[in-house]
Each structure stands twice: as structure tokens, then as C-alpha cells.
Amino acid sequence: MKNKPSMSIIRGLLFTYDIENTDDLEREKLIASKDINNERELIKLFDELTKPEFLAYTKTEQEWFIDSITHFLATNDSFDAVFKNMATYFSAPVIDQKKFMHVLLSCLKNYYYTPNSES
């Protein structure tokens, strides 16, 4: 049985970038140093911080993340439910929330379909 698409689990995956997650000064500096509106820098950030967290989830949970983002992109959701109530360490606001999610989805699919190898 598949889990229903959930905006809250997407927000949970992005908790790494939330100021409420205040346990690592080096992580905070890394996040703030990246231009998250630049696709290459965003991918590097996801590779460094999101990939290890994503790979720690079960395959079923990983599929839930991918399916949820895919669903909300397909329904043309704005992702305001993720971004509007989240204060982040990003040095600038996310200009195009859908593009951000497309990049995240692409990365998650890459992590999911790539054997557990270190990059």
C-alpha cells in the first residue's frame, strides 16, 4: 500500500535547512554560502546534506518523498506549504519554488536509483 502524497514529509526532508535545526555551525555556514537559486550550487548542497539523510530512510520512505514531490509538481502546487512557514539558513529567498522542487526531485531520483556509493 502506497502512502498518500504529503507536503509535511517534504518539509521534514528539508528540515536540515531550517533555522530550528540549530545543532551544527559548519552546516549552517555551508547552507548560507550557497546560492540556492543557482541549480549547480543547489545540487552540490543537496548532495552534501540531503543525500546522506535521504539514504538513511527505507526504500518505502524514499519512494514516498519522490512520489509526494512528483504529485505536487503534477498538480502545479506552489509549495507555499513548505516554504512560507520555514525560516532557513539560505542567504536569499527561493525565487522559483517549483524549480527548487524539480532540482530536489531529480537529485532524490538519482540517489534512489544509484547504488549506495559515495560521491
PDB file of N, CA and C in Angstrom:
ATOM      1  N   MET A   1       0.841  -1.176   0.000  1.00  0.00           N
ATOM      2  CA  MET A   1       0.000   0.000   0.000  1.00  0.00           C
ATOM      3  C   MET A   1       0.889   1.244   0.000  1.00  0.00           C
ATOM      4  N   LYS A   2       0.604   2.154  -0.914  1.00  0.00           N
ATOM      5  CA  LYS A   2       1.387   3.383  -1.018  1.00  0.00           C
ATOM      6  C   LYS A   2       0.876   4.428  -0.043  1.00  0.00           C
ATOM      7  N   ASN A   3       1.808   5.228   0.444  1.00  0.00           N
ATOM      8  CA  ASN A   3       1.439   6.366   1.289  1.00  0.00           C
ATOM      9  C   ASN A   3       0.871   7.483   0.429  1.00  0.00           C
ATOM     10  N   LYS A   4      -0.040   8.244   1.008  1.00  0.00           N
ATOM     11  CA  LYS A   4      -0.607   9.392   0.300  1.00  0.00           C
ATOM     12  C   LYS A   4       0.444  10.489   0.208  1.00  0.00           C
ATOM     13  N   PRO A   5       0.435  11.240  -0.893  1.00  0.00           N
ATOM     14  CA  PRO A   5       1.370  12.364  -1.005  1.00  0.00           C
ATOM     15  C   PRO A   5       1.216  13.305   0.192  1.00  0.00           C
ATOM     16  N   SER A   6       2.338  13.793   0.677  1.00  0.00           N
ATOM     17  CA  SER A   6       2.316  14.613   1.887  1.00  0.00           C
ATOM     18  C   SER A   6       3.282  15.790   1.772  1.00  0.00           C
ATOM     19  N   MET A   7       2.741  16.961   1.966  1.00  0.00           N
ATOM     20  CA  MET A   7       3.572  18.159   1.972  1.00  0.00           C
ATOM     21  C   MET A   7       4.423  18.184   3.249  1.00  0.00           C
ATOM     22  N   SER A   8       3.889  17.652   4.340  1.00  0.00           N
ATOM     23  CA  SER A   8       4.627  17.693   5.606  1.00  0.00           C
ATOM     24  C   SER A   8       5.878  16.819   5.565  1.00  0.00           C
ATOM     25  N   ILE A   9       5.855  15.715   4.824  1.00  0.00           N
ATOM     26  CA  ILE A   9       7.079  14.911   4.766  1.00  0.00           C
ATOM     27  C   ILE A   9       8.140  15.598   3.915  1.00  0.00           C
ATOM     28  N   ILE A  10       7.700  16.358   2.914  1.00  0.00           N
ATOM     29  CA  ILE A  10       8.661  17.134   2.114  1.00  0.00           C
ATOM     30  C   ILE A  10       9.319  18.185   3.005  1.00  0.00           C
ATOM     31  N   ARG A  11       8.514  18.849   3.792  1.00  0.00           N
ATOM     32  CA  ARG A  11       9.047  19.849   4.724  1.00  0.00           C
ATOM     33  C   ARG A  11       9.998  19.182   5.718  1.00  0.00           C
ATOM     34  N   GLY A  12       9.658  17.982   6.161  1.00  0.00           N
ATOM     35  CA  GLY A  12      10.524  17.243   7.070  1.00  0.00           C
ATOM     36  C   GLY A  12      11.878  16.934   6.461  1.00  0.00           C
ATOM     37  N   LEU A  13      11.880  16.575   5.179  1.00  0.00           N
ATOM     38  CA  LEU A  13      13.146  16.293   4.498  1.00  0.00           C
ATOM     39  C   LEU A  13      14.013  17.548   4.408  1.00  0.00           C
ATOM     40  N   LEU A  14      13.370  18.691   4.304  1.00  0.00           N
ATOM     41  CA  LEU A  14      14.102  19.956   4.198  1.00  0.00           C
ATOM     42  C   LEU A  14      14.422  20.582   5.553  1.00  0.00           C
ATOM     43  N   PHE A  15      14.100  19.886   6.637  1.00  0.00           N
ATOM     44  CA  PHE A  15      14.365  20.413   7.979  1.00  0.00           C
ATOM     45  C   PHE A  15      15.852  20.703   8.190  1.00  0.00           C
ATOM     46  N   THR A  16      16.702  20.013   7.478  1.00  0.00           N
ATOM     47  CA  THR A  16      18.147  20.257   7.532  1.00  0.00           C
ATOM     48  C   THR A  16      18.469  21.730   7.329  1.00  0.00           C
ATOM     49  N   TYR A  17      17.659  22.409   6.525  1.00  0.00           N
ATOM     50  CA  TYR A  17      17.931  23.790   6.136  1.00  0.00           C
ATOM     51  C   TYR A  17      17.191  24.808   6.998  1.00  0.00           C
ATOM     52  N   ASP A  18      16.399  24.338   7.935  1.00  0.00           N
ATOM     53  CA  ASP A  18      15.554  25.193   8.780  1.00  0.00           C
ATOM     54  C   ASP A  18      16.360  25.732   9.960  1.00  0.00           C
ATOM     55  N   ILE A  19      16.119  26.999  10.327  1.00  0.00           N
ATOM     56  CA  ILE A  19      16.856  27.572  11.459  1.00  0.00           C
ATOM     57  C   ILE A  19      16.486  26.916  12.783  1.00  0.00           C
ATOM     58  N   GLU A  20      15.375  26.206  12.829  1.00  0.00           N
ATOM     59  CA  GLU A  20      15.031  25.469  14.045  1.00  0.00           C
ATOM     60  C   GLU A  20      15.976  24.295  14.266  1.00  0.00           C
ATOM     61  N   ASN A  21      16.683  23.893  13.236  1.00  0.00           N
ATOM     62  CA  ASN A  21      17.661  22.816  13.307  1.00  0.00           C
ATOM     63  C   ASN A  21      19.025  23.468  13.538  1.00  0.00           C
ATOM     64  N   THR A  22      19.335  23.735  14.802  1.00  0.00           N
ATOM     65  CA  THR A  22      20.485  24.599  15.124  1.00  0.00           C
ATOM     66  C   THR A  22      21.649  23.879  15.786  1.00  0.00           C
ATOM     67  N   ASP A  23      21.975  22.704  15.353  1.00  0.00           N
ATOM     68  CA  ASP A  23      22.991  21.951  16.072  1.00  0.00           C
ATOM     69  C   ASP A  23      24.366  21.915  15.424  1.00  0.00           C
ATOM     70  N   ASP A  24      24.560  22.588  14.296  1.00  0.00           N
ATOM     71  CA  ASP A  24      25.826  22.443  13.590  1.00  0.00           C
ATOM     72  C   ASP A  24      26.204  23.743  12.874  1.00  0.00           C
ATOM     73  N   LEU A  25      27.135  24.476  13.474  1.00  0.00           N
ATOM     74  CA  LEU A  25      27.549  25.762  12.926  1.00  0.00           C
ATOM     75  C   LEU A  25      28.162  25.631  11.532  1.00  0.00           C
ATOM     76  N   GLU A  26      28.944  24.586  11.302  1.00  0.00           N
ATOM     77  CA  GLU A  26      29.562  24.379   9.990  1.00  0.00           C
ATOM     78  C   GLU A  26      28.501  24.118   8.928  1.00  0.00           C
ATOM     79  N   ARG A  27      27.484  23.344   9.267  1.00  0.00           N
ATOM     80  CA  ARG A  27      26.378  23.084   8.335  1.00  0.00           C
ATOM     81  C   ARG A  27      25.656  24.385   8.006  1.00  0.00           C
ATOM     82  N   GLU A  28      25.420  25.181   9.029  1.00  0.00           N
ATOM     83  CA  GLU A  28      24.747  26.467   8.834  1.00  0.00           C
ATOM     84  C   GLU A  28      25.552  27.366   7.898  1.00  0.00           C
ATOM     85  N   LYS A  29      26.868  27.422   8.083  1.00  0.00           N
ATOM     86  CA  LYS A  29      27.733  28.230   7.222  1.00  0.00           C
ATOM     87  C   LYS A  29      27.703  27.710   5.786  1.00  0.00           C
ATOM     88  N   LEU A  30      27.734  26.393   5.630  1.00  0.00           N
ATOM     89  CA  LEU A  30      27.690  25.799   4.296  1.00  0.00           C
ATOM     90  C   LEU A  30      26.402  26.180   3.575  1.00  0.00           C
ATOM     91  N   ILE A  31      25.281  26.056   4.266  1.00  0.00           N
ATOM     92  CA  ILE A  31      23.984  26.398   3.670  1.00  0.00           C
ATOM     93  C   ILE A  31      23.967  27.872   3.254  1.00  0.00           C
ATOM     94  N   ALA A  32      24.392  28.734   4.141  1.00  0.00           N
ATOM     95  CA  ALA A  32      24.365  30.175   3.867  1.00  0.00           C
ATOM     96  C   ALA A  32      25.324  30.565   2.743  1.00  0.00           C
ATOM     97  N   SER A  33      26.355  29.762   2.513  1.00  0.00           N
ATOM     98  CA  SER A  33      27.349  30.101   1.492  1.00  0.00           C
ATOM     99  C   SER A  33      26.891  29.777   0.073  1.00  0.00           C
ATOM    100  N   LYS A  34      25.840  29.003  -0.081  1.00  0.00           N
ATOM    101  CA  LYS A  34      25.387  28.577  -1.408  1.00  0.00           C
ATOM    102  C   LYS A  34      24.290  29.487  -1.942  1.00  0.00           C
ATOM    103  N   ASP A  35      24.338  29.712  -3.248  1.00  0.00           N
ATOM    104  CA  ASP A  35      23.268  30.427  -3.939  1.00  0.00           C
ATOM    105  C   ASP A  35      22.232  29.379  -4.317  1.00  0.00           C
ATOM    106  N   ILE A  36      21.196  29.261  -3.516  1.00  0.00           N
ATOM    107  CA  ILE A  36      20.215  28.198  -3.733  1.00  0.00           C
ATOM    108  C   ILE A  36      19.328  28.470  -4.945  1.00  0.00           C
ATOM    109  N   ASN A  37      19.469  29.613  -5.563  1.00  0.00           N
ATOM    110  CA  ASN A  37      18.751  29.882  -6.804  1.00  0.00           C
ATOM    111  C   ASN A  37      19.604  29.549  -8.028  1.00  0.00           C
ATOM    112  N   ASN A  38      20.806  29.038  -7.777  1.00  0.00           N
ATOM    113  CA  ASN A  38      21.701  28.549  -8.821  1.00  0.00           C
ATOM    114  C   ASN A  38      21.639  27.019  -8.781  1.00  0.00           C
ATOM    115  N   GLU A  39      21.191  26.421  -9.867  1.00  0.00           N
ATOM    116  CA  GLU A  39      20.948  24.972  -9.879  1.00  0.00           C
ATOM    117  C   GLU A  39      22.181  24.160  -9.495  1.00  0.00           C
ATOM    118  N   ARG A  40      23.330  24.519 -10.005  1.00  0.00           N
ATOM    119  CA  ARG A  40      24.555  23.755  -9.682  1.00  0.00           C
ATOM    120  C   ARG A  40      24.892  23.823  -8.205  1.00  0.00           C
ATOM    121  N   GLU A  41      24.785  25.003  -7.623  1.00  0.00           N
ATOM    122  CA  GLU A  41      25.094  25.138  -6.201  1.00  0.00           C
ATOM    123  C   GLU A  41      24.054  24.410  -5.347  1.00  0.00           C
ATOM    124  N   LEU A  42      22.808  24.454  -5.796  1.00  0.00           N
ATOM    125  CA  LEU A  42      21.749  23.750  -5.076  1.00  0.00           C
ATOM    126  C   LEU A  42      21.986  22.241  -5.118  1.00  0.00           C
ATOM    127  N   ILE A  43      22.372  21.727  -6.262  1.00  0.00           N
ATOM    128  CA  ILE A  43      22.668  20.291  -6.373  1.00  0.00           C
ATOM    129  C   ILE A  43      23.822  19.915  -5.449  1.00  0.00           C
ATOM    130  N   LYS A  44      24.877  20.725  -5.424  1.00  0.00           N
ATOM    131  CA  LYS A  44      26.009  20.450  -4.528  1.00  0.00           C
ATOM    132  C   LYS A  44      25.556  20.419  -3.070  1.00  0.00           C
ATOM    133  N   LEU A  45      24.683  21.353  -2.717  1.00  0.00           N
ATOM    134  CA  LEU A  45      24.163  21.400  -1.347  1.00  0.00           C
ATOM    135  C   LEU A  45      23.341  20.148  -1.040  1.00  0.00           C
ATOM    136  N   PHE A  46      22.456  19.776  -1.951  1.00  0.00           N
ATOM    137  CA  PHE A  46      21.661  18.560  -1.760  1.00  0.00           C
ATOM    138  C   PHE A  46      22.561  17.329  -1.666  1.00  0.00           C
ATOM    139  N   ASP A  47      23.586  17.262  -2.523  1.00  0.00           N
ATOM    140  CA  ASP A  47      24.489  16.116  -2.496  1.00  0.00           C
ATOM    141  C   ASP A  47      25.190  15.994  -1.146  1.00  0.00           C
ATOM    142  N   GLU A  48      25.544  17.125  -0.589  1.00  0.00           N
ATOM    143  CA  GLU A  48      26.281  17.094   0.675  1.00  0.00           C
ATOM    144  C   GLU A  48      25.374  16.870   1.890  1.00  0.00           C
ATOM    145  N   LEU A  49      24.214  17.515   1.914  1.00  0.00           N
ATOM    146  CA  LEU A  49      23.392  17.476   3.124  1.00  0.00           C
ATOM    147  C   LEU A  49      22.131  16.620   3.024  1.00  0.00           C
ATOM    148  N   THR A  50      21.490  16.597   1.881  1.00  0.00           N
ATOM    149  CA  THR A  50      20.234  15.861   1.765  1.00  0.00           C
ATOM    150  C   THR A  50      20.477  14.389   1.440  1.00  0.00           C
ATOM    151  N   LYS A  51      21.450  14.113   0.606  1.00  0.00           N
ATOM    152  CA  LYS A  51      21.708  12.732   0.185  1.00  0.00           C
ATOM    153  C   LYS A  51      21.913  11.777   1.369  1.00  0.00           C
ATOM    154  N   PRO A  52      22.804  12.096   2.320  1.00  0.00           N
ATOM    155  CA  PRO A  52      23.008  11.142   3.428  1.00  0.00           C
ATOM    156  C   PRO A  52      21.725  10.910   4.230  1.00  0.00           C
ATOM    157  N   GLU A  53      20.967  11.978   4.443  1.00  0.00           N
ATOM    158  CA  GLU A  53      19.714  11.841   5.187  1.00  0.00           C
ATOM    159  C   GLU A  53      18.714  10.988   4.403  1.00  0.00           C
ATOM    160  N   PHE A  54      18.585  11.274   3.115  1.00  0.00           N
ATOM    161  CA  PHE A  54      17.656  10.534   2.262  1.00  0.00           C
ATOM    162  C   PHE A  54      18.003   9.049   2.233  1.00  0.00           C
ATOM    163  N   LEU A  55      19.280   8.737   2.107  1.00  0.00           N
ATOM    164  CA  LEU A  55      19.704   7.342   2.031  1.00  0.00           C
ATOM    165  C   LEU A  55      19.524   6.593   3.350  1.00  0.00           C
ATOM    166  N   ALA A  56      19.360   7.328   4.448  1.00  0.00           N
ATOM    167  CA  ALA A  56      19.120   6.692   5.743  1.00  0.00           C
ATOM    168  C   ALA A  56      17.678   6.193   5.877  1.00  0.00           C
ATOM    169  N   TYR A  57      16.796   6.678   5.019  1.00  0.00           N
ATOM    170  CA  TYR A  57      15.400   6.236   5.042  1.00  0.00           C
ATOM    171  C   TYR A  57      15.262   4.898   4.334  1.00  0.00           C
ATOM    172  N   THR A  58      14.179   4.181   4.629  1.00  0.00           N
ATOM    173  CA  THR A  58      13.891   2.925   3.940  1.00  0.00           C
ATOM    174  C   THR A  58      13.517   3.228   2.493  1.00  0.00           C
ATOM    175  N   LYS A  59      13.566   2.218   1.638  1.00  0.00           N
ATOM    176  CA  LYS A  59      13.169   2.400   0.234  1.00  0.00           C
ATOM    177  C   LYS A  59      11.724   2.888   0.156  1.00  0.00           C
ATOM    178  N   THR A  60      10.866   2.375   1.000  1.00  0.00           N
ATOM    179  CA  THR A  60       9.456   2.791   1.007  1.00  0.00           C
ATOM    180  C   THR A  60       9.339   4.279   1.340  1.00  0.00           C
ATOM    181  N   GLU A  61      10.098   4.736   2.331  1.00  0.00           N
ATOM    182  CA  GLU A  61      10.077   6.152   2.695  1.00  0.00           C
ATOM    183  C   GLU A  61      10.666   7.008   1.582  1.00  0.00           C
ATOM    184  N   GLN A  62      11.737   6.526   0.966  1.00  0.00           N
ATOM    185  CA  GLN A  62      12.342   7.249  -0.148  1.00  0.00           C
ATOM    186  C   GLN A  62      11.335   7.406  -1.290  1.00  0.00           C
ATOM    187  N   GLU A  63      10.602   6.340  -1.585  1.00  0.00           N
ATOM    188  CA  GLU A  63       9.573   6.399  -2.624  1.00  0.00           C
ATOM    189  C   GLU A  63       8.489   7.406  -2.253  1.00  0.00           C
ATOM    190  N   TRP A  64       8.160   7.492  -0.971  1.00  0.00           N
ATOM    191  CA  TRP A  64       7.134   8.431  -0.512  1.00  0.00           C
ATOM    192  C   TRP A  64       7.573   9.876  -0.779  1.00  0.00           C
ATOM    193  N   PHE A  65       8.837  10.184  -0.507  1.00  0.00           N
ATOM    194  CA  PHE A  65       9.356  11.525  -0.811  1.00  0.00           C
ATOM    195  C   PHE A  65       9.245  11.814  -2.307  1.00  0.00           C
ATOM    196  N   ILE A  66       9.733  10.886  -3.113  1.00  0.00           N
ATOM    197  CA  ILE A  66       9.724  11.063  -4.570  1.00  0.00           C
ATOM    198  C   ILE A  66       8.292  11.180  -5.089  1.00  0.00           C
ATOM    199  N   ASP A  67       7.426  10.285  -4.634  1.00  0.00           N
ATOM    200  CA  ASP A  67       6.031  10.313  -5.088  1.00  0.00           C
ATOM    201  C   ASP A  67       5.314  11.588  -4.650  1.00  0.00           C
ATOM    202  N   SER A  68       5.607  12.064  -3.449  1.00  0.00           N
ATOM    203  CA  SER A  68       4.956  13.279  -2.952  1.00  0.00           C
ATOM    204  C   SER A  68       5.359  14.495  -3.783  1.00  0.00           C
ATOM    205  N   ILE A  69       6.644  14.652  -4.016  1.00  0.00           N
ATOM    206  CA  ILE A  69       7.104  15.800  -4.809  1.00  0.00           C
ATOM    207  C   ILE A  69       6.556  15.702  -6.234  1.00  0.00           C
ATOM    208  N   THR A  70       6.601  14.498  -6.801  1.00  0.00           N
ATOM    209  CA  THR A  70       6.069  14.287  -8.149  1.00  0.00           C
ATOM    210  C   THR A  70       4.591  14.658  -8.210  1.00  0.00           C
ATOM    211  N   HIS A  71       3.830  14.224  -7.228  1.00  0.00           N
ATOM    212  CA  HIS A  71       2.390  14.520  -7.175  1.00  0.00           C
ATOM    213  C   HIS A  71       2.138  16.026  -7.129  1.00  0.00           C
ATOM    214  N   PHE A  72       2.807  16.723  -6.225  1.00  0.00           N
ATOM    215  CA  PHE A  72       2.548  18.154  -6.070  1.00  0.00           C
ATOM    216  C   PHE A  72       3.056  18.969  -7.265  1.00  0.00           C
ATOM    217  N   LEU A  73       4.106  18.509  -7.915  1.00  0.00           N
ATOM    218  CA  LEU A  73       4.526  19.170  -9.151  1.00  0.00           C
ATOM    219  C   LEU A  73       3.488  18.956 -10.251  1.00  0.00           C
ATOM    220  N   ALA A  74       2.947  17.746 -10.327  1.00  0.00           N
ATOM    221  CA  ALA A  74       1.946  17.421 -11.349  1.00  0.00           C
ATOM    222  C   ALA A  74       0.651  18.205 -11.150  1.00  0.00           C
ATOM    223  N   THR A  75       0.335  18.534  -9.891  1.00  0.00           N
ATOM    224  CA  THR A  75      -0.890  19.298  -9.624  1.00  0.00           C
ATOM    225  C   THR A  75      -0.625  20.801  -9.652  1.00  0.00           C
ATOM    226  N   ASN A  76       0.610  21.173 -10.051  1.00  0.00           N
ATOM    227  CA  ASN A  76       1.004  22.578 -10.175  1.00  0.00           C
ATOM    228  C   ASN A  76       0.937  23.327  -8.843  1.00  0.00           C
ATOM    229  N   ASP A  77       1.237  22.623  -7.771  1.00  0.00           N
ATOM    230  CA  ASP A  77       1.241  23.239  -6.444  1.00  0.00           C
ATOM    231  C   ASP A  77       2.357  24.275  -6.366  1.00  0.00           C
ATOM    232  N   SER A  78       2.155  25.298  -5.578  1.00  0.00           N
ATOM    233  CA  SER A  78       3.150  26.370  -5.426  1.00  0.00           C
ATOM    234  C   SER A  78       4.237  26.025  -4.405  1.00  0.00           C
ATOM    235  N   PHE A  79       3.987  25.015  -3.569  1.00  0.00           N
ATOM    236  CA  PHE A  79       4.882  24.616  -2.482  1.00  0.00           C
ATOM    237  C   PHE A  79       4.970  25.665  -1.387  1.00  0.00           C
ATOM    238  N   ASP A  80       3.993  26.559  -1.350  1.00  0.00           N
ATOM    239  CA  ASP A  80       3.927  27.538  -0.260  1.00  0.00           C
ATOM    240  C   ASP A  80       3.834  26.847   1.094  1.00  0.00           C
ATOM    241  N   ALA A  81       3.166  25.698   1.147  1.00  0.00           N
ATOM    242  CA  ALA A  81       3.019  24.972   2.410  1.00  0.00           C
ATOM    243  C   ALA A  81       4.375  24.537   2.963  1.00  0.00           C
ATOM    244  N   VAL A  82       5.356  24.404   2.100  1.00  0.00           N
ATOM    245  CA  VAL A  82       6.708  24.049   2.540  1.00  0.00           C
ATOM    246  C   VAL A  82       7.494  25.307   2.896  1.00  0.00           C
ATOM    247  N   PHE A  83       7.477  26.289   2.022  1.00  0.00           N
ATOM    248  CA  PHE A  83       8.377  27.426   2.150  1.00  0.00           C
ATOM    249  C   PHE A  83       7.868  28.581   3.008  1.00  0.00           C
ATOM    250  N   LYS A  84       6.588  28.824   3.039  1.00  0.00           N
ATOM    251  CA  LYS A  84       6.073  30.016   3.721  1.00  0.00           C
ATOM    252  C   LYS A  84       6.250  29.965   5.237  1.00  0.00           C
ATOM    253  N   ASN A  85       6.238  28.783   5.804  1.00  0.00           N
ATOM    254  CA  ASN A  85       6.357  28.662   7.264  1.00  0.00           C
ATOM    255  C   ASN A  85       7.716  28.125   7.693  1.00  0.00           C
ATOM    256  N   MET A  86       8.711  28.238   6.799  1.00  0.00           N
ATOM    257  CA  MET A  86      10.028  27.706   7.111  1.00  0.00           C
ATOM    258  C   MET A  86      11.051  28.823   6.984  1.00  0.00           C
ATOM    259  N   ALA A  87      11.712  29.143   8.074  1.00  0.00           N
ATOM    260  CA  ALA A  87      12.825  30.093   8.043  1.00  0.00           C
ATOM    261  C   ALA A  87      14.096  29.269   7.863  1.00  0.00           C
ATOM    262  N   THR A  88      14.894  29.640   6.875  1.00  0.00           N
ATOM    263  CA  THR A  88      16.051  28.820   6.536  1.00  0.00           C
ATOM    264  C   THR A  88      17.360  29.579   6.708  1.00  0.00           C
ATOM    265  N   TYR A  89      18.447  28.829   6.567  1.00  0.00           N
ATOM    266  CA  TYR A  89      19.780  29.410   6.560  1.00  0.00           C
ATOM    267  C   TYR A  89      20.163  29.898   5.165  1.00  0.00           C
ATOM    268  N   PHE A  90      19.269  29.756   4.191  1.00  0.00           N
ATOM    269  CA  PHE A  90      19.572  30.230   2.841  1.00  0.00           C
ATOM    270  C   PHE A  90      19.869  31.720   2.889  1.00  0.00           C
ATOM    271  N   SER A  91      20.840  32.145   2.107  1.00  0.00           N
ATOM    272  CA  SER A  91      21.234  33.561   2.115  1.00  0.00           C
ATOM    273  C   SER A  91      20.275  34.439   1.320  1.00  0.00           C
ATOM    274  N   ALA A  92      19.370  33.808   0.565  1.00  0.00           N
ATOM    275  CA  ALA A  92      18.368  34.540  -0.218  1.00  0.00           C
ATOM    276  C   ALA A  92      17.095  33.709  -0.246  1.00  0.00           C
ATOM    277  N   PRO A  93      15.972  34.336  -0.531  1.00  0.00           N
ATOM    278  CA  PRO A  93      14.746  33.553  -0.649  1.00  0.00           C
ATOM    279  C   PRO A  93      14.783  32.669  -1.899  1.00  0.00           C
ATOM    280  N   VAL A  94      14.030  31.584  -1.862  1.00  0.00           N
ATOM    281  CA  VAL A  94      13.897  30.725  -3.034  1.00  0.00           C
ATOM    282  C   VAL A  94      13.025  31.481  -4.040  1.00  0.00           C
ATOM    283  N   ILE A  95      13.599  31.828  -5.167  1.00  0.00           N
ATOM    284  CA  ILE A  95      12.891  32.634  -6.165  1.00  0.00           C
ATOM    285  C   ILE A  95      11.829  31.805  -6.888  1.00  0.00           C
ATOM    286  N   ASP A  96      12.182  30.592  -7.282  1.00  0.00           N
ATOM    287  CA  ASP A  96      11.264  29.728  -8.022  1.00  0.00           C
ATOM    288  C   ASP A  96      11.122  28.413  -7.249  1.00  0.00           C
ATOM    289  N   GLN A  97      10.080  28.334  -6.450  1.00  0.00           N
ATOM    290  CA  GLN A  97       9.878  27.174  -5.570  1.00  0.00           C
ATOM    291  C   GLN A  97       9.684  25.884  -6.370  1.00  0.00           C
ATOM    292  N   LYS A  98       9.011  25.961  -7.501  1.00  0.00           N
ATOM    293  CA  LYS A  98       8.805  24.760  -8.320  1.00  0.00           C
ATOM    294  C   LYS A  98      10.123  24.266  -8.902  1.00  0.00           C
ATOM    295  N   LYS A  99      10.958  25.191  -9.354  1.00  0.00           N
ATOM    296  CA  LYS A  99      12.267  24.798  -9.885  1.00  0.00           C
ATOM    297  C   LYS A  99      13.102  24.148  -8.776  1.00  0.00           C
ATOM    298  N   PHE A 100      13.069  24.726  -7.594  1.00  0.00           N
ATOM    299  CA  PHE A 100      13.767  24.165  -6.440  1.00  0.00           C
ATOM    300  C   PHE A 100      13.323  22.712  -6.237  1.00  0.00           C
ATOM    301  N   MET A 101      12.012  22.485  -6.306  1.00  0.00           N
ATOM    302  CA  MET A 101      11.477  21.135  -6.102  1.00  0.00           C
ATOM    303  C   MET A 101      11.830  20.202  -7.254  1.00  0.00           C
ATOM    304  N   HIS A 102      11.871  20.732  -8.478  1.00  0.00           N
ATOM    305  CA  HIS A 102      12.305  19.906  -9.618  1.00  0.00           C
ATOM    306  C   HIS A 102      13.750  19.451  -9.413  1.00  0.00           C
ATOM    307  N   VAL A 103      14.602  20.355  -8.966  1.00  0.00           N
ATOM    308  CA  VAL A 103      16.005  20.004  -8.711  1.00  0.00           C
ATOM    309  C   VAL A 103      16.086  18.985  -7.585  1.00  0.00           C
ATOM    310  N   LEU A 104      15.342  19.209  -6.517  1.00  0.00           N
ATOM    311  CA  LEU A 104      15.321  18.250  -5.408  1.00  0.00           C
ATOM    312  C   LEU A 104      14.858  16.887  -5.893  1.00  0.00           C
ATOM    313  N   LEU A 105      13.778  16.852  -6.655  1.00  0.00           N
ATOM    314  CA  LEU A 105      13.247  15.585  -7.157  1.00  0.00           C
ATOM    315  C   LEU A 105      14.275  14.867  -8.020  1.00  0.00           C
ATOM    316  N   SER A 106      14.922  15.590  -8.898  1.00  0.00           N
ATOM    317  CA  SER A 106      15.948  14.995  -9.748  1.00  0.00           C
ATOM    318  C   SER A 106      17.068  14.380  -8.910  1.00  0.00           C
ATOM    319  N   CYS A 107      17.491  15.094  -7.900  1.00  0.00           N
ATOM    320  CA  CYS A 107      18.539  14.586  -7.003  1.00  0.00           C
ATOM    321  C   CYS A 107      18.064  13.337  -6.263  1.00  0.00           C
ATOM    322  N   LEU A 108      16.854  13.390  -5.723  1.00  0.00           N
ATOM    323  CA  LEU A 108      16.336  12.237  -4.973  1.00  0.00           C
ATOM    324  C   LEU A 108      16.244  11.006  -5.862  1.00  0.00           C
ATOM    325  N   LYS A 109      15.779  11.186  -7.085  1.00  0.00           N
ATOM    326  CA  LYS A 109      15.699  10.052  -8.022  1.00  0.00           C
ATOM    327  C   LYS A 109      17.088   9.504  -8.304  1.00  0.00           C
ATOM    328  N   ASN A 110      18.058  10.397  -8.460  1.00  0.00           N
ATOM    329  CA  ASN A 110      19.431   9.969  -8.694  1.00  0.00           C
ATOM    330  C   ASN A 110      19.952   9.166  -7.498  1.00  0.00           C
ATOM    331  N   TYR A 111      19.712   9.637  -6.299  1.00  0.00           N
ATOM    332  CA  TYR A 111      20.162   8.922  -5.098  1.00  0.00           C
ATOM    333  C   TYR A 111      19.454   7.573  -4.990  1.00  0.00           C
ATOM    334  N   TYR A 112      18.185   7.557  -5.303  1.00  0.00           N
ATOM    335  CA  TYR A 112      17.373   6.336  -5.170  1.00  0.00           C
ATOM    336  C   TYR A 112      17.835   5.254  -6.147  1.00  0.00           C
ATOM    337  N   TYR A 113      18.136   5.654  -7.385  1.00  0.00           N
ATOM    338  CA  TYR A 113      18.454   4.686  -8.418  1.00  0.00           C
ATOM    339  C   TYR A 113      19.939   4.396  -8.540  1.00  0.00           C
ATOM    340  N   THR A 114      20.766   5.093  -7.772  1.00  0.00           N
ATOM    341  CA  THR A 114      22.207   4.846  -7.784  1.00  0.00           C
ATOM    342  C   THR A 114      22.546   3.923  -6.625  1.00  0.00           C
ATOM    343  N   PRO A 115      23.321   2.881  -6.893  1.00  0.00           N
ATOM    344  CA  PRO A 115      23.730   2.021  -5.771  1.00  0.00           C
ATOM    345  C   PRO A 115      24.428   2.855  -4.700  1.00  0.00           C
ATOM    346  N   ASN A 116      24.361   2.397  -3.476  1.00  0.00           N
ATOM    347  CA  ASN A 116      24.935   3.149  -2.354  1.00  0.00           C
ATOM    348  C   ASN A 116      26.442   3.295  -2.520  1.00  0.00           C
ATOM    349  N   SER A 117      26.813   4.299  -3.298  1.00  0.00           N
ATOM    350  CA  SER A 117      28.233   4.603  -3.484  1.00  0.00           C
ATOM    351  C   SER A 117      28.461   6.019  -3.009  1.00  0.00           C
ATOM    352  N   GLU A 118      29.626   6.245  -2.501  1.00  0.00           N
ATOM    353  CA  GLU A 118      29.979   7.586  -2.023  1.00  0.00           C
ATOM    354  C   GLU A 118      30.357   8.441  -3.207  1.00  0.00           C
ATOM    355  N   SER A 119      29.900   9.690  -3.208  1.00  0.00           N
ATOM    356  CA  SER A 119      30.272  10.588  -4.305  1.00  0.00           C
ATOM    357  C   SER A 119      31.213  11.647  -3.835  1.00  0.00           C
TER     358      SER A 119
END
